[in-house]
């Protein structure tokens, strides 16, 4: 199995193991080693109908999902071990409009037990994010099959 096929499979398995990822309809876009997740717009994720603004909880769940998937696929080998959030801060910078939203995670530091991740979510341009997540995650150890 090629590295790209293995990576695609790990992303699909990670998303399948996060229940609200399916509920929100989160989809991956893989280009080489870069993972971008897409939160497709649907009327169900509008939090303020007067402003037509995305619900902060949906955006927060999307950001957390992006961090978890990025850390999950960064692990070595075929086994998938999803991390657990320890502490998360989300900066809501501007209102999410009723359109598709994108997110990309960068692992700042990853030790043997804890990883630091930063995730940006944007709609029109990566340079104008709608929100940013800063989080620390407990790295799960993959269990070996015997």
C-alpha atoms as a PDB file:
ATOM      1  CA  UNK A   1       0.000   0.000   0.000  1.00  0.00           C
ATOM      2  CA  UNK A   2       1.394   3.423  -0.946  1.00  0.00           C
ATOM      3  CA  UNK A   3       1.997   6.156   1.633  1.00  0.00           C
ATOM      4  CA  UNK A   4      -0.733   8.347   0.096  1.00  0.00           C
ATOM      5  CA  UNK A   5      -3.284   5.501   0.116  1.00  0.00           C
ATOM      6  CA  UNK A   6      -2.382   4.709   3.723  1.00  0.00           C
ATOM      7  CA  UNK A   7      -2.769   8.395   4.652  1.00  0.00           C
ATOM      8  CA  UNK A   8      -6.141   8.646   2.868  1.00  0.00           C
ATOM      9  CA  UNK A   9      -7.316   5.557   4.732  1.00  0.00           C
ATOM     10  CA  UNK A  10      -6.162   6.945   8.104  1.00  0.00           C
ATOM     11  CA  UNK A  11      -8.025  10.223   7.473  1.00  0.00           C
ATOM     12  CA  UNK A  12     -11.239   8.358   6.586  1.00  0.00           C
ATOM     13  CA  UNK A  13     -10.931   6.120   9.671  1.00  0.00           C
ATOM     14  CA  UNK A  14     -10.236   9.106  11.927  1.00  0.00           C
ATOM     15  CA  UNK A  15     -13.309  10.978  10.651  1.00  0.00           C
ATOM     16  CA  UNK A  16     -15.429   7.827  11.012  1.00  0.00           C
ATOM     17  CA  UNK A  17     -14.366   7.584  14.695  1.00  0.00           C
ATOM     18  CA  UNK A  18     -15.539  11.127  15.511  1.00  0.00           C
ATOM     19  CA  UNK A  19     -19.367  10.989  15.700  1.00  0.00           C
ATOM     20  CA  UNK A  20     -20.041  14.690  15.173  1.00  0.00           C
ATOM     21  CA  UNK A  21     -17.791  14.755  12.065  1.00  0.00           C
ATOM     22  CA  UNK A  22     -20.447  12.776  10.185  1.00  0.00           C
ATOM     23  CA  UNK A  23     -23.238  14.880  11.690  1.00  0.00           C
ATOM     24  CA  UNK A  24     -21.550  18.065  10.446  1.00  0.00           C
ATOM     25  CA  UNK A  25     -20.672  16.473   7.089  1.00  0.00           C
ATOM     26  CA  UNK A  26     -16.947  17.207   7.408  1.00  0.00           C
ATOM     27  CA  UNK A  27     -14.982  16.144   4.332  1.00  0.00           C
ATOM     28  CA  UNK A  28     -11.194  15.888   3.761  1.00  0.00           C
ATOM     29  CA  UNK A  29      -9.135  17.371   0.952  1.00  0.00           C
ATOM     30  CA  UNK A  30      -5.678  15.796   0.684  1.00  0.00           C
ATOM     31  CA  UNK A  31      -3.032  17.393  -1.502  1.00  0.00           C
ATOM     32  CA  UNK A  32       0.313  15.686  -1.034  1.00  0.00           C
ATOM     33  CA  UNK A  33       1.160  15.914   2.662  1.00  0.00           C
ATOM     34  CA  UNK A  34      -1.306  18.759   3.316  1.00  0.00           C
ATOM     35  CA  UNK A  35      -4.672  18.013   4.921  1.00  0.00           C
ATOM     36  CA  UNK A  36      -7.527  20.494   4.691  1.00  0.00           C
ATOM     37  CA  UNK A  37     -10.959  19.744   6.108  1.00  0.00           C
ATOM     38  CA  UNK A  38     -14.177  21.218   4.715  1.00  0.00           C
ATOM     39  CA  UNK A  39     -17.278  22.042   6.748  1.00  0.00           C
ATOM     40  CA  UNK A  40     -19.968  22.223   4.058  1.00  0.00           C
ATOM     41  CA  UNK A  41     -22.581  24.877   4.638  1.00  0.00           C
ATOM     42  CA  UNK A  42     -26.019  23.705   5.691  1.00  0.00           C
ATOM     43  CA  UNK A  43     -28.860  25.692   7.284  1.00  0.00           C
ATOM     44  CA  UNK A  44     -28.585  23.442  10.359  1.00  0.00           C
ATOM     45  CA  UNK A  45     -25.283  25.021  11.438  1.00  0.00           C
ATOM     46  CA  UNK A  46     -26.594  28.591  11.543  1.00  0.00           C
ATOM     47  CA  UNK A  47     -26.501  29.862  15.121  1.00  0.00           C
ATOM     48  CA  UNK A  48     -27.964  33.334  14.641  1.00  0.00           C
ATOM     49  CA  UNK A  49     -30.633  33.410  11.934  1.00  0.00           C
ATOM     50  CA  UNK A  50     -30.831  37.219  11.998  1.00  0.00           C
ATOM     51  CA  UNK A  51     -27.137  37.593  11.089  1.00  0.00           C
ATOM     52  CA  UNK A  52     -26.925  34.323   9.146  1.00  0.00           C
ATOM     53  CA  UNK A  53     -23.865  33.485  11.254  1.00  0.00           C
ATOM     54  CA  UNK A  54     -22.476  29.985  11.773  1.00  0.00           C
ATOM     55  CA  UNK A  55     -22.993  28.535  15.245  1.00  0.00           C
ATOM     56  CA  UNK A  56     -19.867  28.842  17.404  1.00  0.00           C
ATOM     57  CA  UNK A  57     -20.290  25.274  18.644  1.00  0.00           C
ATOM     58  CA  UNK A  58     -20.286  23.909  15.094  1.00  0.00           C
ATOM     59  CA  UNK A  59     -17.177  25.943  14.248  1.00  0.00           C
ATOM     60  CA  UNK A  60     -15.472  24.859  17.487  1.00  0.00           C
ATOM     61  CA  UNK A  61     -16.272  21.190  16.842  1.00  0.00           C
ATOM     62  CA  UNK A  62     -14.925  21.575  13.302  1.00  0.00           C
ATOM     63  CA  UNK A  63     -11.657  23.076  14.563  1.00  0.00           C
ATOM     64  CA  UNK A  64     -11.243  20.372  17.208  1.00  0.00           C
ATOM     65  CA  UNK A  65     -11.915  17.681  14.596  1.00  0.00           C
ATOM     66  CA  UNK A  66      -9.224  19.122  12.352  1.00  0.00           C
ATOM     67  CA  UNK A  67      -6.685  19.043  15.197  1.00  0.00           C
ATOM     68  CA  UNK A  68      -7.593  15.476  16.201  1.00  0.00           C
ATOM     69  CA  UNK A  69      -7.421  14.157  12.634  1.00  0.00           C
ATOM     70  CA  UNK A  70      -4.083  15.879  11.957  1.00  0.00           C
ATOM     71  CA  UNK A  71      -2.568  14.407  15.128  1.00  0.00           C
ATOM     72  CA  UNK A  72      -4.148  11.007  14.433  1.00  0.00           C
ATOM     73  CA  UNK A  73      -2.614  10.704  10.981  1.00  0.00           C
ATOM     74  CA  UNK A  74       0.757  12.033  12.135  1.00  0.00           C
ATOM     75  CA  UNK A  75       1.352   8.855  14.141  1.00  0.00           C
ATOM     76  CA  UNK A  76       3.654   6.175  12.802  1.00  0.00           C
ATOM     77  CA  UNK A  77       2.417   2.909  11.342  1.00  0.00           C
ATOM     78  CA  UNK A  78      -0.986   1.750  10.215  1.00  0.00           C
ATOM     79  CA  UNK A  79      -2.642   1.801  13.642  1.00  0.00           C
ATOM     80  CA  UNK A  80      -4.857   4.806  14.327  1.00  0.00           C
ATOM     81  CA  UNK A  81      -4.811   6.315  17.808  1.00  0.00           C
ATOM     82  CA  UNK A  82      -6.842   9.498  18.219  1.00  0.00           C
ATOM     83  CA  UNK A  83      -5.677  12.055  20.790  1.00  0.00           C
ATOM     84  CA  UNK A  84      -7.802  13.497  23.581  1.00  0.00           C
ATOM     85  CA  UNK A  85      -8.131  17.249  24.193  1.00  0.00           C
ATOM     86  CA  UNK A  86      -6.522  18.543  27.390  1.00  0.00           C
ATOM     87  CA  UNK A  87      -7.070  22.257  26.961  1.00  0.00           C
ATOM     88  CA  UNK A  88      -8.471  24.238  24.049  1.00  0.00           C
ATOM     89  CA  UNK A  89      -8.800  27.973  23.439  1.00  0.00           C
ATOM     90  CA  UNK A  90     -10.706  29.273  20.438  1.00  0.00           C
ATOM     91  CA  UNK A  91     -10.454  32.818  19.134  1.00  0.00           C
ATOM     92  CA  UNK A  92     -13.583  33.762  17.174  1.00  0.00           C
ATOM     93  CA  UNK A  93     -12.246  36.516  14.934  1.00  0.00           C
ATOM     94  CA  UNK A  94     -15.176  37.221  12.624  1.00  0.00           C
ATOM     95  CA  UNK A  95     -18.596  35.879  11.839  1.00  0.00           C
ATOM     96  CA  UNK A  96     -18.795  32.716   9.776  1.00  0.00           C
ATOM     97  CA  UNK A  97     -21.025  33.432   6.792  1.00  0.00           C
ATOM     98  CA  UNK A  98     -23.411  30.866   5.291  1.00  0.00           C
ATOM     99  CA  UNK A  99     -20.874  29.208   2.995  1.00  0.00           C
ATOM    100  CA  UNK A 100     -18.343  26.372   3.105  1.00  0.00           C
ATOM    101  CA  UNK A 101     -15.609  26.711   5.729  1.00  0.00           C
ATOM    102  CA  UNK A 102     -12.083  25.266   5.535  1.00  0.00           C
ATOM    103  CA  UNK A 103      -9.578  24.373   8.246  1.00  0.00           C
ATOM    104  CA  UNK A 104      -5.942  23.366   8.397  1.00  0.00           C
ATOM    105  CA  UNK A 105      -3.924  22.280  11.454  1.00  0.00           C
ATOM    106  CA  UNK A 106      -0.252  22.746  12.235  1.00  0.00           C
ATOM    107  CA  UNK A 107       1.391  20.679  14.942  1.00  0.00           C
ATOM    108  CA  UNK A 108       3.558  23.113  16.878  1.00  0.00           C
ATOM    109  CA  UNK A 109       5.232  20.673  19.194  1.00  0.00           C
ATOM    110  CA  UNK A 110       4.690  16.993  19.794  1.00  0.00           C
ATOM    111  CA  UNK A 111       6.265  15.203  22.703  1.00  0.00           C
ATOM    112  CA  UNK A 112       5.843  11.640  23.854  1.00  0.00           C
ATOM    113  CA  UNK A 113       2.611  12.432  25.741  1.00  0.00           C
ATOM    114  CA  UNK A 114       1.355  15.903  24.798  1.00  0.00           C
ATOM    115  CA  UNK A 115       1.073  17.774  21.509  1.00  0.00           C
ATOM    116  CA  UNK A 116       0.410  21.447  20.848  1.00  0.00           C
ATOM    117  CA  UNK A 117      -1.722  22.242  17.791  1.00  0.00           C
ATOM    118  CA  UNK A 118      -2.913  25.411  16.070  1.00  0.00           C
ATOM    119  CA  UNK A 119      -5.858  25.290  13.653  1.00  0.00           C
ATOM    120  CA  UNK A 120      -7.089  28.064  11.365  1.00  0.00           C
ATOM    121  CA  UNK A 121     -10.581  28.127   9.860  1.00  0.00           C
ATOM    122  CA  UNK A 122     -11.348  30.382   6.915  1.00  0.00           C
ATOM    123  CA  UNK A 123     -13.931  30.889   4.217  1.00  0.00           C
ATOM    124  CA  UNK A 124     -12.638  33.121   1.421  1.00  0.00           C
ATOM    125  CA  UNK A 125      -8.932  33.403   2.195  1.00  0.00           C
ATOM    126  CA  UNK A 126      -6.476  31.613   4.458  1.00  0.00           C
ATOM    127  CA  UNK A 127      -5.073  35.063   5.313  1.00  0.00           C
ATOM    128  CA  UNK A 128      -8.414  36.132   6.873  1.00  0.00           C
ATOM    129  CA  UNK A 129      -9.380  33.338   9.286  1.00  0.00           C
ATOM    130  CA  UNK A 130     -12.793  33.352  10.957  1.00  0.00           C
ATOM    131  CA  UNK A 131     -11.445  31.480  13.984  1.00  0.00           C
ATOM    132  CA  UNK A 132      -8.260  29.973  15.385  1.00  0.00           C
ATOM    133  CA  UNK A 133      -7.874  27.088  17.832  1.00  0.00           C
ATOM    134  CA  UNK A 134      -4.883  26.716  20.143  1.00  0.00           C
ATOM    135  CA  UNK A 135      -4.944  23.346  21.842  1.00  0.00           C
ATOM    136  CA  UNK A 136      -3.034  20.798  23.863  1.00  0.00           C
ATOM    137  CA  UNK A 137      -3.851  17.145  23.292  1.00  0.00           C
ATOM    138  CA  UNK A 138      -2.941  13.935  25.088  1.00  0.00           C
ATOM    139  CA  UNK A 139      -1.339  11.692  22.508  1.00  0.00           C
ATOM    140  CA  UNK A 140      -2.907   8.264  22.451  1.00  0.00           C
ATOM    141  CA  UNK A 141      -0.668   5.265  22.030  1.00  0.00           C
ATOM    142  CA  UNK A 142      -1.689   2.832  19.319  1.00  0.00           C
ATOM    143  CA  UNK A 143      -2.266  -0.642  20.644  1.00  0.00           C
ATOM    144  CA  UNK A 144      -0.380  -3.286  18.746  1.00  0.00           C
ATOM    145  CA  UNK A 145      -2.311  -6.276  17.486  1.00  0.00           C
ATOM    146  CA  UNK A 146      -0.905  -9.579  18.709  1.00  0.00           C
END
